[in-house]
């Protein structure tokens, strides 16, 4: 088994419970940890025998373009889509972080994150 780690994917998206967040948007980062059998790619040195991180990024970008209220919902959609697109995956862990989230009382938080794994 191998672990493919894709960290620091940056997106501008429109997720949030406040209407303003869904209108003006904000920055997000996504990290992915993908477990799969890498034995064939280890010996073949062929991209077709592994999970292509560029294809993973494109899939996550598409999911980030769909509006959601909760980061939990975004992370679950990403996980479901990864398993559909890449059947060899045996375990997926996704961390979705909202940078500088809006707070009703005007407070400041650098980021808030949700991590799901299946």
PDB file of N, CA and C in Angstrom:
ATOM      1  N   UNK A   1       0.834  -1.186   0.000  1.00  0.00           N
ATOM      2  CA  UNK A   1       0.000   0.000   0.000  1.00  0.00           C
ATOM      3  C   UNK A   1       0.872   1.241   0.000  1.00  0.00           C
ATOM      4  N   UNK A   2       0.339   2.275  -0.583  1.00  0.00           N
ATOM      5  CA  UNK A   2       1.033   3.556  -0.597  1.00  0.00           C
ATOM      6  C   UNK A   2       0.082   4.671  -0.205  1.00  0.00           C
ATOM      7  N   UNK A   3       0.657   5.745   0.276  1.00  0.00           N
ATOM      8  CA  UNK A   3      -0.107   6.923   0.662  1.00  0.00           C
ATOM      9  C   UNK A   3       0.283   8.072  -0.240  1.00  0.00           C
ATOM     10  N   UNK A   4      -0.674   8.595  -0.995  1.00  0.00           N
ATOM     11  CA  UNK A   4      -0.457   9.755  -1.850  1.00  0.00           C
ATOM     12  C   UNK A   4      -1.003  10.963  -1.098  1.00  0.00           C
ATOM     13  N   UNK A   5      -0.139  11.930  -0.838  1.00  0.00           N
ATOM     14  CA  UNK A   5      -0.534  13.122  -0.087  1.00  0.00           C
ATOM     15  C   UNK A   5      -0.523  14.323  -1.024  1.00  0.00           C
ATOM     16  N   UNK A   6      -1.654  15.011  -1.094  1.00  0.00           N
ATOM     17  CA  UNK A   6      -1.778  16.208  -1.928  1.00  0.00           C
ATOM     18  C   UNK A   6      -2.190  17.323  -0.975  1.00  0.00           C
ATOM     19  N   UNK A   7      -1.264  18.226  -0.716  1.00  0.00           N
ATOM     20  CA  UNK A   7      -1.493  19.225   0.321  1.00  0.00           C
ATOM     21  C   UNK A   7      -1.485  20.641  -0.242  1.00  0.00           C
ATOM     22  N   UNK A   8      -2.320  21.487   0.352  1.00  0.00           N
ATOM     23  CA  UNK A   8      -2.311  22.909   0.018  1.00  0.00           C
ATOM     24  C   UNK A   8      -2.989  23.272  -1.288  1.00  0.00           C
ATOM     25  N   UNK A   9      -4.022  22.528  -1.672  1.00  0.00           N
ATOM     26  CA  UNK A   9      -4.776  22.912  -2.870  1.00  0.00           C
ATOM     27  C   UNK A   9      -5.592  24.157  -2.525  1.00  0.00           C
ATOM     28  N   UNK A  10      -5.410  25.229  -3.272  1.00  0.00           N
ATOM     29  CA  UNK A  10      -6.075  26.499  -2.999  1.00  0.00           C
ATOM     30  C   UNK A  10      -7.259  26.708  -3.918  1.00  0.00           C
ATOM     31  N   UNK A  11      -8.351  27.196  -3.334  1.00  0.00           N
ATOM     32  CA  UNK A  11      -9.564  27.458  -4.106  1.00  0.00           C
ATOM     33  C   UNK A  11     -10.236  28.729  -3.595  1.00  0.00           C
ATOM     34  N   UNK A  12     -10.939  29.406  -4.462  1.00  0.00           N
ATOM     35  CA  UNK A  12     -11.852  30.471  -4.072  1.00  0.00           C
ATOM     36  C   UNK A  12     -13.241  29.897  -4.296  1.00  0.00           C
ATOM     37  N   UNK A  13     -14.062  29.882  -3.241  1.00  0.00           N
ATOM     38  CA  UNK A  13     -15.365  29.226  -3.351  1.00  0.00           C
ATOM     39  C   UNK A  13     -16.404  29.965  -2.515  1.00  0.00           C
ATOM     40  N   UNK A  14     -17.626  29.468  -2.582  1.00  0.00           N
ATOM     41  CA  UNK A  14     -18.783  30.149  -1.999  1.00  0.00           C
ATOM     42  C   UNK A  14     -19.524  29.258  -1.005  1.00  0.00           C
ATOM     43  N   UNK A  15     -18.814  28.760  -0.009  1.00  0.00           N
ATOM     44  CA  UNK A  15     -19.406  27.911   1.008  1.00  0.00           C
ATOM     45  C   UNK A  15     -19.594  28.712   2.286  1.00  0.00           C
ATOM     46  N   UNK A  16     -20.715  28.479   2.963  1.00  0.00           N
ATOM     47  CA  UNK A  16     -20.924  29.128   4.251  1.00  0.00           C
ATOM     48  C   UNK A  16     -22.393  29.211   4.603  1.00  0.00           C
ATOM     49  N   UNK A  17     -22.636  29.411   5.879  1.00  0.00           N
ATOM     50  CA  UNK A  17     -24.014  29.527   6.364  1.00  0.00           C
ATOM     51  C   UNK A  17     -24.562  30.935   6.176  1.00  0.00           C
ATOM     52  N   UNK A  18     -23.679  31.936   6.152  1.00  0.00           N
ATOM     53  CA  UNK A  18     -24.130  33.307   5.942  1.00  0.00           C
ATOM     54  C   UNK A  18     -24.330  33.563   4.454  1.00  0.00           C
ATOM     55  N   UNK A  19     -25.418  34.241   4.127  1.00  0.00           N
ATOM     56  CA  UNK A  19     -25.716  34.562   2.730  1.00  0.00           C
ATOM     57  C   UNK A  19     -24.542  35.300   2.082  1.00  0.00           C
ATOM     58  N   UNK A  20     -23.925  36.198   2.822  1.00  0.00           N
ATOM     59  CA  UNK A  20     -22.808  36.983   2.290  1.00  0.00           C
ATOM     60  C   UNK A  20     -21.647  36.086   1.847  1.00  0.00           C
ATOM     61  N   UNK A  21     -21.404  35.015   2.601  1.00  0.00           N
ATOM     62  CA  UNK A  21     -20.324  34.095   2.235  1.00  0.00           C
ATOM     63  C   UNK A  21     -20.605  33.423   0.897  1.00  0.00           C
ATOM     64  N   UNK A  22     -21.878  33.156   0.646  1.00  0.00           N
ATOM     65  CA  UNK A  22     -22.258  32.501  -0.610  1.00  0.00           C
ATOM     66  C   UNK A  22     -22.327  33.480  -1.764  1.00  0.00           C
ATOM     67  N   UNK A  23     -22.247  34.793  -1.456  1.00  0.00           N
ATOM     68  CA  UNK A  23     -22.268  35.818  -2.499  1.00  0.00           C
ATOM     69  C   UNK A  23     -20.861  36.312  -2.809  1.00  0.00           C
ATOM     70  N   UNK A  24     -20.082  36.671  -1.758  1.00  0.00           N
ATOM     71  CA  UNK A  24     -18.760  37.247  -1.998  1.00  0.00           C
ATOM     72  C   UNK A  24     -17.656  36.194  -2.040  1.00  0.00           C
ATOM     73  N   UNK A  25     -17.883  35.036  -1.423  1.00  0.00           N
ATOM     74  CA  UNK A  25     -16.907  33.949  -1.432  1.00  0.00           C
ATOM     75  C   UNK A  25     -15.713  34.212  -0.537  1.00  0.00           C
ATOM     76  N   UNK A  26     -14.859  33.206  -0.443  1.00  0.00           N
ATOM     77  CA  UNK A  26     -13.633  33.314   0.350  1.00  0.00           C
ATOM     78  C   UNK A  26     -12.644  32.240  -0.111  1.00  0.00           C
ATOM     79  N   UNK A  27     -11.456  32.261   0.479  1.00  0.00           N
ATOM     80  CA  UNK A  27     -10.400  31.305   0.138  1.00  0.00           C
ATOM     81  C   UNK A  27     -10.542  30.037   0.981  1.00  0.00           C
ATOM     82  N   UNK A  28     -10.224  28.923   0.357  1.00  0.00           N
ATOM     83  CA  UNK A  28     -10.234  27.619   1.006  1.00  0.00           C
ATOM     84  C   UNK A  28      -8.960  26.877   0.626  1.00  0.00           C
ATOM     85  N   UNK A  29      -8.528  25.980   1.502  1.00  0.00           N
ATOM     86  CA  UNK A  29      -7.487  25.026   1.133  1.00  0.00           C
ATOM     87  C   UNK A  29      -8.034  23.621   1.390  1.00  0.00           C
ATOM     88  N   UNK A  30      -7.558  22.691   0.588  1.00  0.00           N
ATOM     89  CA  UNK A  30      -7.949  21.289   0.736  1.00  0.00           C
ATOM     90  C   UNK A  30      -6.676  20.447   0.733  1.00  0.00           C
ATOM     91  N   UNK A  31      -6.609  19.514   1.671  1.00  0.00           N
ATOM     92  CA  UNK A  31      -5.530  18.531   1.735  1.00  0.00           C
ATOM     93  C   UNK A  31      -6.164  17.157   1.589  1.00  0.00           C
ATOM     94  N   UNK A  32      -5.483  16.280   0.853  1.00  0.00           N
ATOM     95  CA  UNK A  32      -6.007  14.932   0.611  1.00  0.00           C
ATOM     96  C   UNK A  32      -4.921  13.904   0.892  1.00  0.00           C
ATOM     97  N   UNK A  33      -5.320  12.842   1.571  1.00  0.00           N
ATOM     98  CA  UNK A  33      -4.451  11.689   1.817  1.00  0.00           C
ATOM     99  C   UNK A  33      -5.177  10.475   1.243  1.00  0.00           C
ATOM    100  N   UNK A  34      -4.574   9.860   0.241  1.00  0.00           N
ATOM    101  CA  UNK A  34      -5.212   8.781  -0.512  1.00  0.00           C
ATOM    102  C   UNK A  34      -4.388   7.504  -0.385  1.00  0.00           C
ATOM    103  N   UNK A  35      -5.006   6.455   0.126  1.00  0.00           N
ATOM    104  CA  UNK A  35      -4.325   5.172   0.261  1.00  0.00           C
ATOM    105  C   UNK A  35      -4.760   4.272  -0.883  1.00  0.00           C
ATOM    106  N   UNK A  36      -3.765   3.678  -1.534  1.00  0.00           N
ATOM    107  CA  UNK A  36      -4.026   2.802  -2.670  1.00  0.00           C
ATOM    108  C   UNK A  36      -2.861   1.825  -2.821  1.00  0.00           C
ATOM    109  N   UNK A  37      -3.093   0.784  -3.570  1.00  0.00           N
ATOM    110  CA  UNK A  37      -2.029  -0.180  -3.862  1.00  0.00           C
ATOM    111  C   UNK A  37      -1.106   0.436  -4.908  1.00  0.00           C
ATOM    112  N   UNK A  38       0.120   0.707  -4.534  1.00  0.00           N
ATOM    113  CA  UNK A  38       1.086   1.326  -5.448  1.00  0.00           C
ATOM    114  C   UNK A  38       2.113   0.328  -5.998  1.00  0.00           C
ATOM    115  N   UNK A  39       1.933  -0.954  -5.734  1.00  0.00           N
ATOM    116  CA  UNK A  39       2.959  -1.936  -6.109  1.00  0.00           C
ATOM    117  C   UNK A  39       3.217  -1.951  -7.619  1.00  0.00           C
ATOM    118  N   UNK A  40       2.170  -1.843  -8.430  1.00  0.00           N
ATOM    119  CA  UNK A  40       2.383  -1.878  -9.887  1.00  0.00           C
ATOM    120  C   UNK A  40       3.118  -0.632 -10.367  1.00  0.00           C
ATOM    121  N   UNK A  41       2.730   0.539  -9.874  1.00  0.00           N
ATOM    122  CA  UNK A  41       3.404   1.766 -10.314  1.00  0.00           C
ATOM    123  C   UNK A  41       4.841   1.841  -9.800  1.00  0.00           C
ATOM    124  N   UNK A  42       5.105   1.217  -8.672  1.00  0.00           N
ATOM    125  CA  UNK A  42       6.468   1.197  -8.131  1.00  0.00           C
ATOM    126  C   UNK A  42       7.437   0.513  -9.083  1.00  0.00           C
ATOM    127  N   UNK A  43       6.966  -0.500  -9.780  1.00  0.00           N
ATOM    128  CA  UNK A  43       7.852  -1.229 -10.690  1.00  0.00           C
ATOM    129  C   UNK A  43       7.715  -0.765 -12.143  1.00  0.00           C
ATOM    130  N   UNK A  44       6.522  -0.359 -12.545  1.00  0.00           N
ATOM    131  CA  UNK A  44       6.314   0.018 -13.951  1.00  0.00           C
ATOM    132  C   UNK A  44       6.768   1.434 -14.269  1.00  0.00           C
ATOM    133  N   UNK A  45       6.744   2.325 -13.281  1.00  0.00           N
ATOM    134  CA  UNK A  45       7.059   3.737 -13.484  1.00  0.00           C
ATOM    135  C   UNK A  45       6.101   4.382 -14.490  1.00  0.00           C
ATOM    136  N   UNK A  46       4.856   3.892 -14.512  1.00  0.00           N
ATOM    137  CA  UNK A  46       3.828   4.378 -15.441  1.00  0.00           C
ATOM    138  C   UNK A  46       2.712   5.076 -14.672  1.00  0.00           C
ATOM    139  N   UNK A  47       2.352   6.277 -15.113  1.00  0.00           N
ATOM    140  CA  UNK A  47       1.291   7.052 -14.477  1.00  0.00           C
ATOM    141  C   UNK A  47      -0.046   6.325 -14.493  1.00  0.00           C
ATOM    142  N   UNK A  48      -0.286   5.541 -15.533  1.00  0.00           N
ATOM    143  CA  UNK A  48      -1.566   4.839 -15.651  1.00  0.00           C
ATOM    144  C   UNK A  48      -1.767   3.798 -14.546  1.00  0.00           C
ATOM    145  N   UNK A  49      -0.706   3.465 -13.811  1.00  0.00           N
ATOM    146  CA  UNK A  49      -0.804   2.455 -12.752  1.00  0.00           C
ATOM    147  C   UNK A  49      -0.946   3.058 -11.358  1.00  0.00           C
ATOM    148  N   UNK A  50      -1.247   4.347 -11.295  1.00  0.00           N
ATOM    149  CA  UNK A  50      -1.407   4.988  -9.990  1.00  0.00           C
ATOM    150  C   UNK A  50      -2.545   5.984 -10.049  1.00  0.00           C
ATOM    151  N   UNK A  51      -2.771   6.681  -8.965  1.00  0.00           N
ATOM    152  CA  UNK A  51      -3.789   7.736  -8.908  1.00  0.00           C
ATOM    153  C   UNK A  51      -3.105   9.039  -9.318  1.00  0.00           C
ATOM    154  N   UNK A  52      -3.550   9.610 -10.403  1.00  0.00           N
ATOM    155  CA  UNK A  52      -2.969  10.825 -10.964  1.00  0.00           C
ATOM    156  C   UNK A  52      -3.397  12.035 -10.130  1.00  0.00           C
ATOM    157  N   UNK A  53      -2.440  12.705  -9.503  1.00  0.00           N
ATOM    158  CA  UNK A  53      -2.800  13.815  -8.619  1.00  0.00           C
ATOM    159  C   UNK A  53      -3.396  14.991  -9.379  1.00  0.00           C
ATOM    160  N   UNK A  54      -3.093  15.129 -10.669  1.00  0.00           N
ATOM    161  CA  UNK A  54      -3.713  16.197 -11.453  1.00  0.00           C
ATOM    162  C   UNK A  54      -5.204  15.921 -11.651  1.00  0.00           C
ATOM    163  N   UNK A  55      -5.555  14.664 -11.861  1.00  0.00           N
ATOM    164  CA  UNK A  55      -6.967  14.287 -11.989  1.00  0.00           C
ATOM    165  C   UNK A  55      -7.686  14.455 -10.652  1.00  0.00           C
ATOM    166  N   UNK A  56      -6.996  14.160  -9.552  1.00  0.00           N
ATOM    167  CA  UNK A  56      -7.578  14.357  -8.225  1.00  0.00           C
ATOM    168  C   UNK A  56      -7.853  15.844  -8.007  1.00  0.00           C
ATOM    169  N   UNK A  57      -6.890  16.686  -8.339  1.00  0.00           N
ATOM    170  CA  UNK A  57      -7.076  18.136  -8.188  1.00  0.00           C
ATOM    171  C   UNK A  57      -8.278  18.612  -9.003  1.00  0.00           C
ATOM    172  N   UNK A  58      -8.395  18.174 -10.244  1.00  0.00           N
ATOM    173  CA  UNK A  58      -9.514  18.588 -11.099  1.00  0.00           C
ATOM    174  C   UNK A  58     -10.847  18.159 -10.493  1.00  0.00           C
ATOM    175  N   UNK A  59     -10.914  16.960  -9.956  1.00  0.00           N
ATOM    176  CA  UNK A  59     -12.138  16.467  -9.317  1.00  0.00           C
ATOM    177  C   UNK A  59     -12.483  17.322  -8.091  1.00  0.00           C
ATOM    178  N   UNK A  60     -11.505  17.604  -7.260  1.00  0.00           N
ATOM    179  CA  UNK A  60     -11.755  18.415  -6.068  1.00  0.00           C
ATOM    180  C   UNK A  60     -12.162  19.832  -6.470  1.00  0.00           C
ATOM    181  N   UNK A  61     -11.541  20.387  -7.494  1.00  0.00           N
ATOM    182  CA  UNK A  61     -11.935  21.714  -7.984  1.00  0.00           C
ATOM    183  C   UNK A  61     -13.413  21.725  -8.378  1.00  0.00           C
ATOM    184  N   UNK A  62     -13.863  20.698  -9.086  1.00  0.00           N
ATOM    185  CA  UNK A  62     -15.279  20.626  -9.480  1.00  0.00           C
ATOM    186  C   UNK A  62     -16.191  20.584  -8.257  1.00  0.00           C
ATOM    187  N   UNK A  63     -15.803  19.814  -7.241  1.00  0.00           N
ATOM    188  CA  UNK A  63     -16.613  19.737  -6.026  1.00  0.00           C
ATOM    189  C   UNK A  63     -16.608  21.065  -5.268  1.00  0.00           C
ATOM    190  N   UNK A  64     -15.492  21.761  -5.264  1.00  0.00           N
ATOM    191  CA  UNK A  64     -15.410  23.056  -4.580  1.00  0.00           C
ATOM    192  C   UNK A  64     -16.262  24.113  -5.282  1.00  0.00           C
ATOM    193  N   UNK A  65     -16.546  23.930  -6.551  1.00  0.00           N
ATOM    194  CA  UNK A  65     -17.370  24.889  -7.296  1.00  0.00           C
ATOM    195  C   UNK A  65     -18.851  24.771  -6.961  1.00  0.00           C
ATOM    196  N   UNK A  66     -19.255  23.675  -6.334  1.00  0.00           N
ATOM    197  CA  UNK A  66     -20.647  23.495  -5.915  1.00  0.00           C
ATOM    198  C   UNK A  66     -20.827  24.123  -4.531  1.00  0.00           C
ATOM    199  N   UNK A  67     -21.779  25.008  -4.403  1.00  0.00           N
ATOM    200  CA  UNK A  67     -22.008  25.730  -3.152  1.00  0.00           C
ATOM    201  C   UNK A  67     -22.555  24.795  -2.067  1.00  0.00           C
ATOM    202  N   UNK A  68     -22.061  24.985  -0.854  1.00  0.00           N
ATOM    203  CA  UNK A  68     -22.537  24.249   0.318  1.00  0.00           C
ATOM    204  C   UNK A  68     -22.556  25.183   1.506  1.00  0.00           C
ATOM    205  N   UNK A  69     -23.370  24.859   2.488  1.00  0.00           N
ATOM    206  CA  UNK A  69     -23.380  25.627   3.727  1.00  0.00           C
ATOM    207  C   UNK A  69     -22.259  25.176   4.656  1.00  0.00           C
ATOM    208  N   UNK A  70     -22.009  23.867   4.725  1.00  0.00           N
ATOM    209  CA  UNK A  70     -21.086  23.316   5.715  1.00  0.00           C
ATOM    210  C   UNK A  70     -19.861  22.672   5.090  1.00  0.00           C
ATOM    211  N   UNK A  71     -18.719  22.830   5.759  1.00  0.00           N
ATOM    212  CA  UNK A  71     -17.487  22.179   5.308  1.00  0.00           C
ATOM    213  C   UNK A  71     -17.618  20.664   5.368  1.00  0.00           C
ATOM    214  N   UNK A  72     -18.384  20.155   6.324  1.00  0.00           N
ATOM    215  CA  UNK A  72     -18.607  18.714   6.424  1.00  0.00           C
ATOM    216  C   UNK A  72     -19.246  18.179   5.142  1.00  0.00           C
ATOM    217  N   UNK A  73     -20.177  18.943   4.605  1.00  0.00           N
ATOM    218  CA  UNK A  73     -20.858  18.544   3.368  1.00  0.00           C
ATOM    219  C   UNK A  73     -19.880  18.539   2.190  1.00  0.00           C
ATOM    220  N   UNK A  74     -19.052  19.568   2.122  1.00  0.00           N
ATOM    221  CA  UNK A  74     -18.042  19.639   1.059  1.00  0.00           C
ATOM    222  C   UNK A  74     -17.106  18.438   1.145  1.00  0.00           C
ATOM    223  N   UNK A  75     -16.580  18.164   2.332  1.00  0.00           N
ATOM    224  CA  UNK A  75     -15.619  17.066   2.505  1.00  0.00           C
ATOM    225  C   UNK A  75     -16.238  15.722   2.138  1.00  0.00           C
ATOM    226  N   UNK A  76     -17.477  15.494   2.530  1.00  0.00           N
ATOM    227  CA  UNK A  76     -18.136  14.221   2.191  1.00  0.00           C
ATOM    228  C   UNK A  76     -18.344  14.097   0.693  1.00  0.00           C
ATOM    229  N   UNK A  77     -18.759  15.172   0.038  1.00  0.00           N
ATOM    230  CA  UNK A  77     -18.921  15.137  -1.423  1.00  0.00           C
ATOM    231  C   UNK A  77     -17.601  14.799  -2.101  1.00  0.00           C
ATOM    232  N   UNK A  78     -16.516  15.397  -1.628  1.00  0.00           N
ATOM    233  CA  UNK A  78     -15.191  15.122  -2.206  1.00  0.00           C
ATOM    234  C   UNK A  78     -14.840  13.651  -2.032  1.00  0.00           C
ATOM    235  N   UNK A  79     -15.019  13.125  -0.830  1.00  0.00           N
ATOM    236  CA  UNK A  79     -14.700  11.716  -0.580  1.00  0.00           C
ATOM    237  C   UNK A  79     -15.525  10.804  -1.481  1.00  0.00           C
ATOM    238  N   UNK A  80     -16.825  11.044  -1.547  1.00  0.00           N
ATOM    239  CA  UNK A  80     -17.694  10.213  -2.396  1.00  0.00           C
ATOM    240  C   UNK A  80     -17.250  10.257  -3.852  1.00  0.00           C
ATOM    241  N   UNK A  81     -16.920  11.446  -4.338  1.00  0.00           N
ATOM    242  CA  UNK A  81     -16.496  11.595  -5.735  1.00  0.00           C
ATOM    243  C   UNK A  81     -15.158  10.893  -5.987  1.00  0.00           C
ATOM    244  N   UNK A  82     -14.241  10.966  -5.041  1.00  0.00           N
ATOM    245  CA  UNK A  82     -12.953  10.286  -5.200  1.00  0.00           C
ATOM    246  C   UNK A  82     -13.125   8.783  -5.298  1.00  0.00           C
ATOM    247  N   UNK A  83     -13.971   8.220  -4.442  1.00  0.00           N
ATOM    248  CA  UNK A  83     -14.196   6.771  -4.513  1.00  0.00           C
ATOM    249  C   UNK A  83     -14.876   6.375  -5.821  1.00  0.00           C
ATOM    250  N   UNK A  84     -15.774   7.213  -6.320  1.00  0.00           N
ATOM    251  CA  UNK A  84     -16.419   6.904  -7.615  1.00  0.00           C
ATOM    252  C   UNK A  84     -15.413   6.964  -8.771  1.00  0.00           C
ATOM    253  N   UNK A  85     -14.557   7.960  -8.748  1.00  0.00           N
ATOM    254  CA  UNK A  85     -13.626   8.200  -9.859  1.00  0.00           C
ATOM    255  C   UNK A  85     -12.395   7.284  -9.816  1.00  0.00           C
ATOM    256  N   UNK A  86     -11.970   6.911  -8.619  1.00  0.00           N
ATOM    257  CA  UNK A  86     -10.742   6.129  -8.457  1.00  0.00           C
ATOM    258  C   UNK A  86     -11.028   4.882  -7.617  1.00  0.00           C
ATOM    259  N   UNK A  87     -11.603   3.847  -8.227  1.00  0.00           N
ATOM    260  CA  UNK A  87     -11.969   2.625  -7.483  1.00  0.00           C
ATOM    261  C   UNK A  87     -10.823   1.961  -6.727  1.00  0.00           C
ATOM    262  N   UNK A  88      -9.550   2.079  -7.165  1.00  0.00           N
ATOM    263  CA  UNK A  88      -8.485   1.426  -6.398  1.00  0.00           C
ATOM    264  C   UNK A  88      -8.234   2.029  -5.010  1.00  0.00           C
ATOM    265  N   UNK A  89      -8.792   3.198  -4.713  1.00  0.00           N
ATOM    266  CA  UNK A  89      -8.571   3.798  -3.396  1.00  0.00           C
ATOM    267  C   UNK A  89      -9.138   2.906  -2.307  1.00  0.00           C
ATOM    268  N   UNK A  90      -8.377   2.755  -1.224  1.00  0.00           N
ATOM    269  CA  UNK A  90      -8.838   1.944  -0.097  1.00  0.00           C
ATOM    270  C   UNK A  90      -9.140   2.781   1.137  1.00  0.00           C
ATOM    271  N   UNK A  91      -8.617   3.994   1.192  1.00  0.00           N
ATOM    272  CA  UNK A  91      -8.883   4.892   2.315  1.00  0.00           C
ATOM    273  C   UNK A  91      -8.645   6.318   1.835  1.00  0.00           C
ATOM    274  N   UNK A  92      -9.525   7.220   2.257  1.00  0.00           N
ATOM    275  CA  UNK A  92      -9.407   8.626   1.874  1.00  0.00           C
ATOM    276  C   UNK A  92      -9.591   9.486   3.116  1.00  0.00           C
ATOM    277  N   UNK A  93      -8.719  10.465   3.257  1.00  0.00           N
ATOM    278  CA  UNK A  93      -8.831  11.464   4.319  1.00  0.00           C
ATOM    279  C   UNK A  93      -8.766  12.824   3.643  1.00  0.00           C
ATOM    280  N   UNK A  94      -9.749  13.687   3.958  1.00  0.00           N
ATOM    281  CA  UNK A  94      -9.844  15.007   3.346  1.00  0.00           C
ATOM    282  C   UNK A  94      -9.945  16.055   4.438  1.00  0.00           C
ATOM    283  N   UNK A  95      -9.162  17.106   4.299  1.00  0.00           N
ATOM    284  CA  UNK A  95      -9.241  18.254   5.205  1.00  0.00           C
ATOM    285  C   UNK A  95      -9.614  19.471   4.366  1.00  0.00           C
ATOM    286  N   UNK A  96     -10.738  20.116   4.718  1.00  0.00           N
ATOM    287  CA  UNK A  96     -11.184  21.331   4.039  1.00  0.00           C
ATOM    288  C   UNK A  96     -11.068  22.468   5.047  1.00  0.00           C
ATOM    289  N   UNK A  97     -10.339  23.516   4.674  1.00  0.00           N
ATOM    290  CA  UNK A  97     -10.126  24.659   5.562  1.00  0.00           C
ATOM    291  C   UNK A  97     -10.664  25.928   4.920  1.00  0.00           C
ATOM    292  N   UNK A  98     -11.418  26.674   5.689  1.00  0.00           N
ATOM    293  CA  UNK A  98     -11.890  28.002   5.258  1.00  0.00           C
ATOM    294  C   UNK A  98     -10.960  29.026   5.898  1.00  0.00           C
ATOM    295  N   UNK A  99     -10.359  29.881   5.066  1.00  0.00           N
ATOM    296  CA  UNK A  99      -9.427  30.876   5.562  1.00  0.00           C
ATOM    297  C   UNK A  99     -10.172  32.163   5.909  1.00  0.00           C
ATOM    298  N   UNK A 100      -9.844  32.742   7.041  1.00  0.00           N
ATOM    299  CA  UNK A 100     -10.467  33.991   7.499  1.00  0.00           C
ATOM    300  C   UNK A 100     -11.994  33.928   7.457  1.00  0.00           C
ATOM    301  N   UNK A 101     -12.613  32.966   8.129  1.00  0.00           N
ATOM    302  CA  UNK A 101     -14.066  32.844   8.076  1.00  0.00           C
ATOM    303  C   UNK A 101     -14.764  34.039   8.733  1.00  0.00           C
ATOM    304  N   UNK A 102     -15.919  34.367   8.192  1.00  0.00           N
ATOM    305  CA  UNK A 102     -16.717  35.456   8.755  1.00  0.00           C
ATOM    306  C   UNK A 102     -17.293  35.033  10.102  1.00  0.00           C
ATOM    307  N   UNK A 103     -17.283  35.956  11.053  1.00  0.00           N
ATOM    308  CA  UNK A 103     -17.892  35.720  12.362  1.00  0.00           C
ATOM    309  C   UNK A 103     -18.951  36.789  12.588  1.00  0.00           C
ATOM    310  N   UNK A 104     -20.087  36.375  13.111  1.00  0.00           N
ATOM    311  CA  UNK A 104     -21.212  37.291  13.312  1.00  0.00           C
ATOM    312  C   UNK A 104     -20.851  38.453  14.237  1.00  0.00           C
ATOM    313  N   UNK A 105     -19.970  38.229  15.218  1.00  0.00           N
ATOM    314  CA  UNK A 105     -19.638  39.291  16.172  1.00  0.00           C
ATOM    315  C   UNK A 105     -18.417  40.103  15.752  1.00  0.00           C
ATOM    316  N   UNK A 106     -17.920  39.882  14.529  1.00  0.00           N
ATOM    317  CA  UNK A 106     -16.774  40.643  14.044  1.00  0.00           C
ATOM    318  C   UNK A 106     -15.435  40.117  14.517  1.00  0.00           C
ATOM    319  N   UNK A 107     -15.420  38.993  15.223  1.00  0.00           N
ATOM    320  CA  UNK A 107     -14.160  38.406  15.685  1.00  0.00           C
ATOM    321  C   UNK A 107     -13.304  37.925  14.525  1.00  0.00           C
ATOM    322  N   UNK A 108     -12.112  37.465  14.845  1.00  0.00           N
ATOM    323  CA  UNK A 108     -11.180  37.034  13.806  1.00  0.00           C
ATOM    324  C   UNK A 108     -10.659  35.634  14.109  1.00  0.00           C
ATOM    325  N   UNK A 109     -10.718  34.774  13.090  1.00  0.00           N
ATOM    326  CA  UNK A 109     -10.140  33.429  13.138  1.00  0.00           C
ATOM    327  C   UNK A 109      -9.312  33.272  11.868  1.00  0.00           C
ATOM    328  N   UNK A 110      -8.088  32.749  12.013  1.00  0.00           N
ATOM    329  CA  UNK A 110      -7.230  32.543  10.837  1.00  0.00           C
ATOM    330  C   UNK A 110      -7.828  31.512   9.889  1.00  0.00           C
ATOM    331  N   UNK A 111      -8.298  30.385  10.444  1.00  0.00           N
ATOM    332  CA  UNK A 111      -8.932  29.369   9.617  1.00  0.00           C
ATOM    333  C   UNK A 111      -9.717  28.408  10.487  1.00  0.00           C
ATOM    334  N   UNK A 112     -10.684  27.767   9.844  1.00  0.00           N
ATOM    335  CA  UNK A 112     -11.439  26.704  10.489  1.00  0.00           C
ATOM    336  C   UNK A 112     -11.408  25.523   9.529  1.00  0.00           C
ATOM    337  N   UNK A 113     -11.261  24.316  10.066  1.00  0.00           N
ATOM    338  CA  UNK A 113     -11.092  23.147   9.212  1.00  0.00           C
ATOM    339  C   UNK A 113     -12.001  22.009   9.666  1.00  0.00           C
ATOM    340  N   UNK A 114     -12.346  21.176   8.706  1.00  0.00           N
ATOM    341  CA  UNK A 114     -13.054  19.919   8.970  1.00  0.00           C
ATOM    342  C   UNK A 114     -12.270  18.818   8.274  1.00  0.00           C
ATOM    343  N   UNK A 115     -12.028  17.724   8.988  1.00  0.00           N
ATOM    344  CA  UNK A 115     -11.336  16.575   8.420  1.00  0.00           C
ATOM    345  C   UNK A 115     -12.250  15.362   8.534  1.00  0.00           C
ATOM    346  N   UNK A 116     -12.463  14.709   7.398  1.00  0.00           N
ATOM    347  CA  UNK A 116     -13.252  13.471   7.361  1.00  0.00           C
ATOM    348  C   UNK A 116     -12.389  12.382   6.737  1.00  0.00           C
ATOM    349  N   UNK A 117     -12.616  11.160   7.167  1.00  0.00           N
ATOM    350  CA  UNK A 117     -11.941  10.035   6.511  1.00  0.00           C
ATOM    351  C   UNK A 117     -12.861   8.846   6.462  1.00  0.00           C
ATOM    352  N   UNK A 118     -12.706   8.113   5.394  1.00  0.00           N
ATOM    353  CA  UNK A 118     -13.510   6.914   5.157  1.00  0.00           C
ATOM    354  C   UNK A 118     -12.631   5.860   4.532  1.00  0.00           C
TER     355      UNK A 118
END
